Amino acid sequence: MRAGGLIFAVAGLLVMSLTACGGESGGTGANSVAGLPVTHFESGLRTDAPKPGLDVENVSDDEADRLATATIADVEEYWSGRLPDDFGIKFEPVKSLLSYESNGENRSNGCGNTKRNVNAFYCGQDDSIAWDRGVLLPTMIRQFGPLSVVTVLAHEFGHAVQYRLQDKAGINRSTPTIVKEQQADCFAGSYYRWVAEGKSEYFRVSTAEGLNAALSSLFLVRDSAGTAATDDQAHGTAFDRIFAFQLGFEHGPQDCAKIDMASLQPRLTERPFDQADRNEGTLPINDTTVDYLKQSLDAAFSGANAPKPRIVKGGGTCGSGPATPPASYCPADNTVNIDLPALAELGKPVDQDAEWQGATTGGHGDFAAFSEIASRYALAIQKGVGASLDNANAGLRTACLVGAWAAATNKLADTALRLSAGDLDEAISDLLRPDSLVAADVNGKRVDAGFTRVEAMRTGYLQGSSPCSKNYG
């Protein structure tokens, strides 16, 4: 986030409203993932998967190539049905496949040489897909398991689908890169739905840990904070990429093909740092910035007409009642008790280079820390309007309200904190952590499905606070 003067003036104060919920037993948000049941099992290549009958140049028998080859065979099976059914187009497989080692012998295809090209890509010049089994795929497997390979190559095959759809997807030489990338992420999400429904011969994916791994893979390959959406190489923030993936998972490939710049503009979060953002989105987590946060939260939630909690620094636990360090909401005295040193550690800047090596400084960014505190503050507001705090829907409602507050920060006229480029990715990073508080109830219990946690925050960010009680009653 950034602190500064009153950069934006608005006509009237933007406030959030939350109404008391009439009972939470009927809510289904916590119990499903886009209409599918929440499932837990080992995700990856099926033990009884058939041997792909594909011709892959330079293929090996290592894990990366086995996963990559199975993915291509599987997505071809998926699209062989969807292209005729959804678009009236006969499916044609890609013309060639190439496995290579970016740190080994050079290979080439229609898009050039592979030496030191740590990448996976679709090449329209010769209608081919290539992947680096030397560095890229093994790195992703170590980080997020076998589904990371599936995610990457399902995305690349999405570009092959665009090549086949052409004007049916609005694709031409002038189409911005970000549109192509969003469509490809969306197409990958639609394929994942098919797998999650049990229709794949090759892969199994649970809607809890399995989809969490897929979303984490997208997070890893996000653009750096401050990248402009107009950049020729822009692939999107993690927030943007996961939005597109979820759109495909929830609505299918026809909606993916409708993505264009006009539909992207209202929701796209990828942008350069503002000129006033001297720290490029990084603030320390200290007494001063926590005071700024309190001012922002008080202003944003003033429309709820609920007692405002105090934020106290007492180790992050309650004297009596729930304890969810590094931040706890204490209903007995209506306080948010925080462990400031632990939150300062959580709020250290993200090191994207270290992420690729599986090692980080432990930091998820300032907005991750602020979101943890904001989530406990949002519980106080919910208590003030009579909503229950101790079930899964309370956690999703909380994530939704954190998203609504995030959107409000740049519209509040009398507070110092402003949302910065990259902040929403820091929130995504926190939401995908197994011990995140952003989508947790007052006791720290969170919904298992990261997909649903992210969806809840996204709903609040894009639609405001009204759906938070409606969707997660």
Protein backbone atom coordinates (compact mmCIF):
# COMPACT_ATOMS: atom_id res chain seq x y z
CA MET A 1 0.00 0.00 0.00
CA ARG A 2 1.02 3.60 -0.07
CA ALA A 3 0.48 6.49 2.28
CA GLY A 4 0.07 10.02 1.08
CA GLY A 5 -2.04 13.10 0.86
CA LEU A 6 -5.60 13.27 -0.37
CA ILE A 7 -4.91 12.09 -3.90
CA PHE A 8 -8.55 11.48 -4.80
CA ALA A 9 -11.58 13.60 -4.05
CA VAL A 10 -15.04 12.09 -4.36
CA ALA A 11 -18.50 13.51 -4.08
CA GLY A 12 -19.53 12.21 -0.69
CA LEU A 13 -17.94 9.51 1.41
CA LEU A 14 -18.02 5.96 0.12
CA VAL A 15 -19.34 3.80 2.94
CA MET A 16 -20.04 0.13 3.33
CA SER A 17 -23.24 -1.29 4.68
CA LEU A 18 -23.83 -4.70 6.14
CA THR A 19 -27.17 -6.02 7.27
CA ALA A 20 -27.79 -8.62 9.89
CA CYS A 21 -28.04 -12.11 8.47
CA GLY A 22 -31.20 -14.08 8.95
CA GLY A 23 -29.41 -17.35 9.66
CA GLU A 24 -26.45 -19.11 8.17
CA SER A 25 -27.41 -22.76 7.95
CA GLY A 26 -28.82 -22.33 4.46
CA GLY A 27 -25.66 -20.83 2.94
CA THR A 28 -23.88 -23.01 0.41
CA GLY A 29 -20.78 -20.91 -0.31
CA ALA A 30 -18.58 -22.77 2.15
CA ASN A 31 -19.74 -26.18 1.05
CA SER A 32 -19.13 -26.03 -2.69
CA VAL A 33 -16.64 -24.91 -5.29
CA ALA A 34 -18.56 -23.32 -8.15
CA GLY A 35 -21.34 -25.86 -7.67
CA LEU A 36 -19.09 -28.89 -7.17
CA PRO A 37 -18.64 -30.59 -3.79
CA VAL A 38 -15.52 -29.85 -1.77
CA THR A 39 -13.27 -32.90 -2.17
CA HIS A 40 -10.00 -34.05 -0.63
CA PHE A 41 -7.76 -36.63 -2.28
CA GLU A 42 -4.36 -36.85 -3.91
CA SER A 43 -4.42 -34.95 -7.18
CA GLY A 44 -2.29 -35.65 -10.22
CA LEU A 45 -1.76 -38.29 -12.87
CA ARG A 46 -4.05 -41.30 -12.52
CA THR A 47 -2.33 -44.59 -11.77
CA ASP A 48 -4.37 -46.18 -14.56
CA ALA A 49 -3.84 -43.38 -17.09
CA PRO A 50 -3.33 -44.61 -20.66
CA LYS A 51 -0.05 -44.08 -22.47
CA PRO A 52 -0.38 -40.99 -24.68
CA GLY A 53 -0.04 -41.76 -28.38
CA LEU A 54 1.73 -38.50 -29.19
CA ASP A 55 4.86 -37.79 -31.19
CA VAL A 56 7.02 -35.46 -29.07
CA GLU A 57 10.40 -34.37 -30.36
CA ASN A 58 13.28 -34.94 -27.92
CA VAL A 59 10.98 -36.45 -25.29
CA SER A 60 12.43 -38.18 -22.22
CA ASP A 61 10.97 -40.49 -19.62
CA ASP A 62 11.32 -38.10 -16.68
CA GLU A 63 8.40 -36.92 -14.56
CA ALA A 64 8.13 -33.54 -16.26
CA ASP A 65 7.78 -35.06 -19.72
CA ARG A 66 5.35 -37.73 -18.57
CA LEU A 67 3.11 -35.05 -17.06
CA ALA A 68 3.48 -32.71 -20.02
CA THR A 69 2.70 -35.38 -22.61
CA ALA A 70 -0.31 -36.61 -20.63
CA THR A 71 -1.57 -33.02 -20.32
CA ILE A 72 -1.40 -32.41 -24.06
CA ALA A 73 -3.22 -35.68 -24.75
CA ASP A 74 -5.86 -34.79 -22.18
CA VAL A 75 -6.52 -31.20 -23.28
CA GLU A 76 -6.76 -32.41 -26.87
CA GLU A 77 -9.45 -34.84 -25.76
CA TYR A 78 -11.27 -32.03 -23.96
CA TRP A 79 -11.13 -29.60 -26.88
CA SER A 80 -12.03 -32.29 -29.42
CA GLY A 81 -15.49 -32.14 -27.88
CA ARG A 82 -15.79 -28.50 -26.91
CA LEU A 83 -14.71 -26.87 -30.18
CA PRO A 84 -17.41 -28.62 -32.26
CA ASP A 85 -20.09 -28.37 -29.56
CA ASP A 86 -19.47 -24.76 -28.46
CA PHE A 87 -18.09 -23.14 -31.60
CA GLY A 88 -19.01 -25.38 -34.54
CA ILE A 89 -15.35 -25.93 -35.40
CA LYS A 90 -13.68 -29.25 -36.13
CA PHE A 91 -10.83 -29.90 -33.73
CA GLU A 92 -7.31 -30.23 -35.15
CA PRO A 93 -4.37 -31.27 -32.91
CA VAL A 94 -1.31 -29.03 -32.84
CA LYS A 95 1.15 -29.90 -35.59
CA SER A 96 4.22 -30.55 -33.44
CA LEU A 97 5.40 -30.88 -29.85
CA LEU A 98 8.89 -30.21 -28.48
CA SER A 99 10.47 -31.03 -25.13
CA TYR A 100 13.80 -29.36 -24.43
CA GLU A 101 16.26 -28.48 -21.68
CA SER A 102 16.94 -24.76 -21.42
CA ASN A 103 20.23 -25.56 -19.70
CA GLY A 104 21.17 -28.24 -22.24
CA GLU A 105 21.49 -28.79 -25.97
CA ASN A 106 19.82 -26.13 -28.12
CA ARG A 107 16.68 -27.01 -30.05
CA SER A 108 14.51 -24.86 -32.27
CA ASN A 109 11.01 -24.51 -33.67
CA GLY A 110 9.15 -21.86 -35.62
CA CYS A 111 9.69 -19.33 -32.82
CA GLY A 112 13.45 -19.72 -32.52
CA ASN A 113 16.06 -21.34 -30.30
CA THR A 114 15.48 -22.90 -26.88
CA LYS A 115 18.89 -22.29 -25.27
CA ARG A 116 18.36 -20.54 -21.91
CA ASN A 117 14.65 -20.15 -22.68
CA VAL A 118 13.10 -21.12 -19.34
CA ASN A 119 9.58 -21.23 -20.67
CA ALA A 120 6.63 -23.15 -22.04
CA PHE A 121 4.99 -21.64 -25.09
CA TYR A 122 2.65 -22.01 -28.03
CA CYS A 123 4.19 -20.97 -31.34
CA GLY A 124 1.72 -19.80 -33.96
CA GLN A 125 4.41 -19.77 -36.65
CA ASP A 126 4.36 -23.56 -36.90
CA ASP A 127 1.36 -24.42 -34.67
CA SER A 128 3.53 -26.08 -32.02
CA ILE A 129 3.84 -26.30 -28.26
CA ALA A 130 7.20 -26.52 -26.51
CA TRP A 131 8.23 -26.81 -22.87
CA ASP A 132 11.40 -26.68 -20.83
CA ARG A 133 11.81 -29.92 -18.92
CA GLY A 134 15.25 -28.88 -17.70
CA VAL A 135 14.43 -25.94 -15.41
CA LEU A 136 10.86 -24.64 -15.65
CA LEU A 137 8.75 -27.75 -15.15
CA PRO A 138 10.94 -29.37 -12.45
CA THR A 139 10.97 -26.07 -10.53
CA MET A 140 7.19 -25.85 -10.61
CA ILE A 141 6.78 -29.51 -9.65
CA ARG A 142 9.01 -28.96 -6.61
CA GLN A 143 6.98 -25.92 -5.62
CA PHE A 144 3.40 -26.97 -6.26
CA GLY A 145 3.36 -30.59 -7.37
CA PRO A 146 2.29 -32.24 -10.63
CA LEU A 147 -0.73 -30.04 -11.30
CA SER A 148 1.57 -27.09 -11.90
CA VAL A 149 2.62 -28.73 -15.18
CA VAL A 150 -1.01 -29.31 -16.09
CA THR A 151 -1.83 -25.66 -15.39
CA VAL A 152 1.02 -24.28 -17.48
CA LEU A 153 0.38 -26.48 -20.50
CA ALA A 154 -3.41 -26.17 -20.36
CA HIS A 155 -2.79 -22.41 -20.59
CA GLU A 156 -0.44 -22.81 -23.56
CA PHE A 157 -2.96 -25.03 -25.31
CA GLY A 158 -5.45 -22.24 -24.73
CA HIS A 159 -3.37 -20.18 -27.16
CA ALA A 160 -3.65 -23.00 -29.70
CA VAL A 161 -7.42 -22.82 -29.24
CA GLN A 162 -7.30 -19.07 -29.98
CA TYR A 163 -5.36 -19.82 -33.15
CA ARG A 164 -8.19 -22.13 -34.20
CA LEU A 165 -11.02 -19.82 -33.19
CA GLN A 166 -9.56 -16.61 -34.68
CA ASP A 167 -12.47 -14.19 -35.17
CA LYS A 168 -14.80 -16.34 -33.04
CA ALA A 169 -12.60 -15.24 -30.12
CA GLY A 170 -11.97 -11.76 -31.53
CA ILE A 171 -8.30 -12.60 -32.11
CA ASN A 172 -6.29 -10.77 -34.76
CA ARG A 173 -2.87 -9.17 -35.15
CA SER A 174 -3.89 -6.09 -33.16
CA THR A 175 -5.34 -7.95 -30.16
CA PRO A 176 -3.52 -6.81 -26.98
CA THR A 177 -1.37 -9.46 -25.32
CA ILE A 178 -3.27 -9.17 -22.05
CA VAL A 179 -6.50 -10.19 -23.81
CA LYS A 180 -4.84 -13.27 -25.30
CA GLU A 181 -3.37 -14.23 -21.93
CA GLN A 182 -6.65 -13.76 -20.09
CA GLN A 183 -8.46 -15.93 -22.63
CA ALA A 184 -5.80 -18.65 -22.30
CA ASP A 185 -6.09 -18.64 -18.49
CA CYS A 186 -9.86 -18.83 -18.86
CA PHE A 187 -9.64 -21.74 -21.30
CA ALA A 188 -7.36 -23.53 -18.82
CA GLY A 189 -9.98 -23.01 -16.11
CA SER A 190 -12.71 -24.51 -18.30
CA TYR A 191 -10.54 -27.59 -18.88
CA TYR A 192 -9.95 -27.93 -15.13
CA ARG A 193 -13.70 -28.01 -14.56
CA TRP A 194 -13.90 -31.03 -16.87
CA VAL A 195 -11.15 -32.74 -14.91
CA ALA A 196 -12.73 -31.87 -11.55
CA GLU A 197 -15.98 -33.42 -12.78
CA GLY A 198 -14.13 -36.74 -13.20
CA LYS A 199 -14.18 -36.81 -17.02
CA SER A 200 -10.43 -37.02 -17.61
CA GLU A 201 -8.72 -40.34 -18.36
CA TYR A 202 -5.38 -38.91 -17.25
CA PHE A 203 -5.79 -36.69 -14.19
CA ARG A 204 -7.65 -36.35 -10.92
CA VAL A 205 -8.04 -32.99 -9.19
CA SER A 206 -9.69 -32.35 -5.85
CA THR A 207 -11.59 -29.11 -5.47
CA ALA A 208 -9.74 -28.32 -2.25
CA GLU A 209 -5.99 -29.06 -2.26
CA GLY A 210 -5.89 -29.82 -6.00
CA LEU A 211 -7.34 -26.50 -7.14
CA ASN A 212 -5.28 -24.74 -4.47
CA ALA A 213 -2.17 -26.06 -6.22
CA ALA A 214 -3.44 -24.90 -9.62
CA LEU A 215 -4.13 -21.38 -8.31
CA SER A 216 -0.74 -21.26 -6.57
CA SER A 217 0.89 -22.14 -9.90
CA LEU A 218 -0.82 -19.17 -11.54
CA PHE A 219 0.31 -16.99 -8.64
CA LEU A 220 3.93 -17.97 -9.21
CA VAL A 221 3.92 -16.91 -12.87
CA ARG A 222 2.26 -13.52 -12.30
CA ASP A 223 3.73 -10.28 -13.63
CA SER A 224 5.82 -8.13 -11.31
CA ALA A 225 4.02 -5.36 -9.43
CA GLY A 226 4.01 -2.15 -11.44
CA THR A 227 3.77 -3.82 -14.87
CA ALA A 228 1.36 -2.03 -17.21
CA ALA A 229 -1.46 -4.03 -18.77
CA THR A 230 -0.48 -2.44 -22.10
CA ASP A 231 2.98 -4.02 -21.95
CA ASP A 232 3.63 -6.30 -24.94
CA GLN A 233 4.60 -9.11 -22.56
CA ALA A 234 1.86 -8.56 -19.95
CA HIS A 235 0.33 -11.80 -18.67
CA GLY A 236 -1.56 -10.27 -15.75
CA THR A 237 -1.38 -9.94 -12.01
CA ALA A 238 -2.18 -13.01 -9.93
CA PHE A 239 -5.57 -11.42 -9.17
CA ASP A 240 -6.30 -10.98 -12.89
CA ARG A 241 -5.03 -14.42 -13.90
CA ILE A 242 -6.98 -16.23 -11.19
CA PHE A 243 -10.11 -14.23 -12.07
CA ALA A 244 -9.87 -15.48 -15.67
CA PHE A 245 -9.19 -19.07 -14.58
CA GLN A 246 -12.20 -18.99 -12.27
CA LEU A 247 -14.36 -17.48 -15.00
CA GLY A 248 -13.58 -20.44 -17.24
CA PHE A 249 -14.09 -22.93 -14.43
CA GLU A 250 -17.47 -21.44 -13.53
CA HIS A 251 -18.89 -20.54 -16.95
CA GLY A 252 -17.05 -22.47 -19.67
CA PRO A 253 -15.15 -21.67 -22.88
CA GLN A 254 -17.83 -19.62 -24.62
CA ASP A 255 -17.49 -16.93 -21.96
CA CYS A 256 -13.71 -17.15 -22.29
CA ALA A 257 -13.92 -16.36 -26.01
CA LYS A 258 -15.89 -13.20 -25.20
CA ILE A 259 -13.04 -11.66 -23.22
CA ASP A 260 -11.89 -8.47 -24.91
CA MET A 261 -10.36 -5.19 -23.80
CA ALA A 262 -13.76 -3.61 -23.19
CA SER A 263 -14.77 -6.39 -20.78
CA LEU A 264 -11.35 -6.36 -19.11
CA GLN A 265 -11.08 -2.64 -18.39
CA PRO A 266 -13.53 -2.49 -15.46
CA ARG A 267 -11.82 -5.30 -13.54
CA LEU A 268 -8.16 -5.27 -14.64
CA THR A 269 -5.80 -4.58 -11.74
CA GLU A 270 -2.50 -4.55 -13.64
CA ARG A 271 -1.13 -1.02 -13.74
CA PRO A 272 2.08 0.94 -13.16
CA PHE A 273 2.87 2.46 -9.78
CA ASP A 274 1.33 5.89 -9.27
CA GLN A 275 3.74 8.82 -9.36
CA ALA A 276 2.88 9.58 -5.74
CA ASP A 277 3.83 6.03 -4.74
CA ARG A 278 7.42 6.75 -3.76
CA ASN A 279 7.88 3.41 -1.99
CA GLU A 280 6.45 1.35 -4.88
CA GLY A 281 3.74 -0.18 -2.79
CA THR A 282 5.80 -1.08 0.27
CA LEU A 283 5.05 0.34 3.71
CA PRO A 284 6.50 -0.86 7.02
CA ILE A 285 4.06 -2.42 9.45
CA ASN A 286 4.44 -0.18 12.50
CA ASP A 287 2.45 1.98 14.91
CA THR A 288 2.01 4.75 12.35
CA THR A 289 0.77 2.59 9.49
CA VAL A 290 -1.54 0.62 11.80
CA ASP A 291 -3.07 3.94 12.83
CA TYR A 292 -3.55 4.74 9.13
CA LEU A 293 -5.20 1.36 8.71
CA LYS A 294 -7.58 2.02 11.61
CA GLN A 295 -8.62 5.36 10.08
CA SER A 296 -9.25 3.66 6.74
CA LEU A 297 -11.32 0.85 8.25
CA ASP A 298 -13.35 3.24 10.42
CA ALA A 299 -14.22 5.36 7.40
CA ALA A 300 -14.98 2.43 5.09
CA PHE A 301 -17.31 0.67 7.53
CA SER A 302 -19.04 3.76 8.92
CA GLY A 303 -22.22 2.89 6.99
CA ALA A 304 -22.72 -0.29 8.99
CA ASN A 305 -23.60 1.72 12.13
CA ALA A 306 -21.79 -0.83 14.26
CA PRO A 307 -19.45 -0.10 17.19
CA LYS A 308 -15.90 0.38 15.92
CA PRO A 309 -13.35 -1.93 17.55
CA ARG A 310 -10.10 -0.68 19.01
CA ILE A 311 -6.83 -2.09 17.69
CA VAL A 312 -4.51 -2.93 20.56
CA LYS A 313 -1.01 -4.34 20.62
CA GLY A 314 -1.00 -7.22 23.07
CA GLY A 315 0.60 -10.21 21.41
CA GLY A 316 -2.24 -11.08 19.07
CA THR A 317 -4.39 -13.07 21.51
CA CYS A 318 -7.42 -12.41 23.71
CA GLY A 319 -7.41 -12.57 27.51
CA SER A 320 -10.45 -14.76 27.21
CA GLY A 321 -12.10 -16.08 24.11
CA PRO A 322 -10.67 -16.88 20.67
CA ALA A 323 -6.96 -16.60 19.94
CA THR A 324 -5.83 -16.45 16.30
CA PRO A 325 -2.38 -14.84 16.35
CA PRO A 326 -0.93 -12.73 14.87
CA ALA A 327 -4.32 -10.99 15.06
CA SER A 328 -7.41 -11.87 17.08
CA TYR A 329 -10.86 -10.38 17.41
CA CYS A 330 -11.87 -10.31 21.06
CA PRO A 331 -15.66 -10.03 21.32
CA ALA A 332 -15.63 -9.53 25.11
CA ASP A 333 -14.15 -6.03 24.86
CA ASN A 334 -14.60 -5.40 21.10
CA THR A 335 -10.89 -5.16 20.37
CA VAL A 336 -8.59 -6.42 17.64
CA ASN A 337 -5.46 -7.59 19.41
CA ILE A 338 -2.37 -7.76 17.22
CA ASP A 339 1.19 -9.07 17.44
CA LEU A 340 2.94 -6.18 15.72
CA PRO A 341 6.39 -7.82 15.31
CA ALA A 342 4.84 -10.96 13.75
CA LEU A 343 2.73 -8.88 11.38
CA ALA A 344 5.79 -6.81 10.46
CA GLU A 345 7.53 -10.06 9.51
CA LEU A 346 4.54 -11.18 7.44
CA GLY A 347 4.43 -7.76 5.79
CA LYS A 348 8.02 -7.78 4.53
CA PRO A 349 8.34 -7.20 0.77
CA VAL A 350 7.83 -10.18 -1.53
CA ASP A 351 10.94 -11.52 -3.26
CA GLN A 352 9.69 -12.97 -6.56
CA ASP A 353 13.13 -14.24 -7.59
CA ALA A 354 13.37 -16.21 -4.35
CA GLU A 355 9.88 -17.61 -4.89
CA TRP A 356 11.11 -19.42 -7.99
CA GLN A 357 13.71 -21.17 -5.85
CA GLY A 358 11.19 -22.15 -3.21
CA ALA A 359 12.81 -19.85 -0.67
CA THR A 360 11.43 -16.54 0.53
CA THR A 361 12.19 -13.93 3.14
CA GLY A 362 8.99 -14.95 4.88
CA GLY A 363 7.31 -11.79 3.67
CA HIS A 364 4.02 -11.68 1.77
CA GLY A 365 3.87 -7.88 1.48
CA ASP A 366 2.35 -5.08 3.53
CA PHE A 367 -1.16 -5.64 2.21
CA ALA A 368 -1.10 -9.24 3.41
CA ALA A 369 -0.46 -8.00 6.96
CA PHE A 370 -3.03 -5.21 6.69
CA SER A 371 -5.58 -7.71 5.35
CA GLU A 372 -5.06 -9.99 8.36
CA ILE A 373 -5.88 -7.09 10.68
CA ALA A 374 -8.75 -5.94 8.46
CA SER A 375 -10.29 -9.42 8.61
CA ARG A 376 -10.47 -9.31 12.42
CA TYR A 377 -11.88 -5.77 12.27
CA ALA A 378 -14.55 -6.99 9.83
CA LEU A 379 -15.60 -9.61 12.39
CA ALA A 380 -16.30 -6.83 14.87
CA ILE A 381 -18.55 -5.10 12.36
CA GLN A 382 -20.38 -8.36 11.71
CA LYS A 383 -20.90 -8.86 15.44
CA GLY A 384 -22.26 -5.32 15.66
CA VAL A 385 -25.03 -6.08 13.17
CA GLY A 386 -25.93 -9.43 14.67
CA ALA A 387 -24.18 -11.83 12.31
CA SER A 388 -22.67 -15.00 13.72
CA LEU A 389 -18.89 -15.30 13.71
CA ASP A 390 -18.09 -18.95 14.26
CA ASN A 391 -18.79 -20.87 11.05
CA ALA A 392 -17.35 -21.27 7.57
CA ASN A 393 -19.68 -18.76 5.92
CA ALA A 394 -18.52 -16.17 8.45
CA GLY A 395 -14.99 -16.70 7.12
CA LEU A 396 -16.09 -16.19 3.51
CA ARG A 397 -18.17 -13.15 4.47
CA THR A 398 -15.07 -11.76 6.16
CA ALA A 399 -12.93 -12.27 3.04
CA CYS A 400 -15.63 -10.58 0.98
CA LEU A 401 -15.64 -7.56 3.31
CA VAL A 402 -11.84 -7.34 3.17
CA GLY A 403 -12.14 -7.18 -0.62
CA ALA A 404 -14.80 -4.47 -0.38
CA TRP A 405 -12.60 -2.46 1.97
CA ALA A 406 -9.64 -2.84 -0.43
CA ALA A 407 -11.68 -1.38 -3.28
CA ALA A 408 -12.85 1.47 -1.06
CA THR A 409 -9.38 2.63 -0.02
CA ASN A 410 -8.81 4.67 -3.16
CA LYS A 411 -12.25 6.28 -2.92
CA LEU A 412 -12.18 7.45 0.67
CA ALA A 413 -11.44 11.16 0.83
CA ASP A 414 -10.21 11.44 4.42
CA THR A 415 -7.75 8.58 4.92
CA ALA A 416 -4.06 8.26 4.16
CA LEU A 417 -3.82 4.66 2.90
CA ARG A 418 -4.22 3.98 -0.80
CA LEU A 419 -4.27 0.67 -2.68
CA SER A 420 -1.09 0.25 -4.68
CA ALA A 421 -0.11 -1.84 -7.71
CA GLY A 422 0.54 -5.38 -6.51
CA ASP A 423 -1.43 -5.13 -3.26
CA LEU A 424 -4.19 -7.47 -4.37
CA ASP A 425 -1.60 -10.09 -5.29
CA GLU A 426 -0.29 -9.86 -1.74
CA ALA A 427 -3.82 -10.55 -0.50
CA ILE A 428 -4.06 -13.54 -2.86
CA SER A 429 -0.73 -14.81 -1.54
CA ASP A 430 -2.08 -14.62 1.99
CA LEU A 431 -5.42 -16.23 1.11
CA LEU A 432 -3.66 -19.26 -0.38
CA ARG A 433 -1.60 -19.82 2.77
CA PRO A 434 -2.86 -22.69 4.96
CA ASP A 435 -2.88 -20.44 8.05
CA SER A 436 -4.35 -17.28 6.53
CA LEU A 437 -6.87 -15.33 8.60
CA VAL A 438 -8.41 -13.35 5.76
CA ALA A 439 -11.13 -15.96 5.13
CA ALA A 440 -11.23 -17.37 8.67
CA ASP A 441 -13.97 -17.19 11.28
CA VAL A 442 -13.45 -15.79 14.78
CA ASN A 443 -11.80 -19.05 15.88
CA GLY A 444 -9.37 -19.06 12.96
CA LYS A 445 -11.12 -21.85 11.08
CA ARG A 446 -11.02 -21.28 7.33
CA VAL A 447 -12.70 -22.88 4.35
CA ASP A 448 -10.52 -25.64 2.85
CA ALA A 449 -10.98 -24.59 -0.77
CA GLY A 450 -8.62 -21.76 -1.72
CA PHE A 451 -10.72 -21.32 -4.86
CA THR A 452 -13.71 -20.32 -2.71
CA ARG A 453 -11.63 -18.09 -0.41
CA VAL A 454 -10.23 -16.13 -3.35
CA GLU A 455 -13.66 -15.96 -4.99
CA ALA A 456 -15.13 -14.41 -1.84
CA MET A 457 -12.52 -11.65 -1.65
CA ARG A 458 -12.83 -11.03 -5.39
CA THR A 459 -16.60 -10.64 -5.04
CA GLY A 460 -16.21 -7.94 -2.41
CA TYR A 461 -13.53 -6.12 -4.36
CA LEU A 462 -15.51 -6.00 -7.60
CA GLN A 463 -19.06 -5.73 -6.27
CA GLY A 464 -18.79 -4.03 -2.89
CA SER A 465 -20.15 -5.15 0.46
CA SER A 466 -23.76 -5.88 -0.51
CA PRO A 467 -23.10 -9.44 -1.81
CA CYS A 468 -21.09 -10.33 1.30
CA SER A 469 -24.14 -11.05 3.43
CA LYS A 470 -26.29 -12.10 0.49
CA ASN A 471 -23.85 -14.69 -0.88
CA TYR A 472 -22.43 -15.86 2.43
CA GLY A 473 -25.48 -15.54 4.65
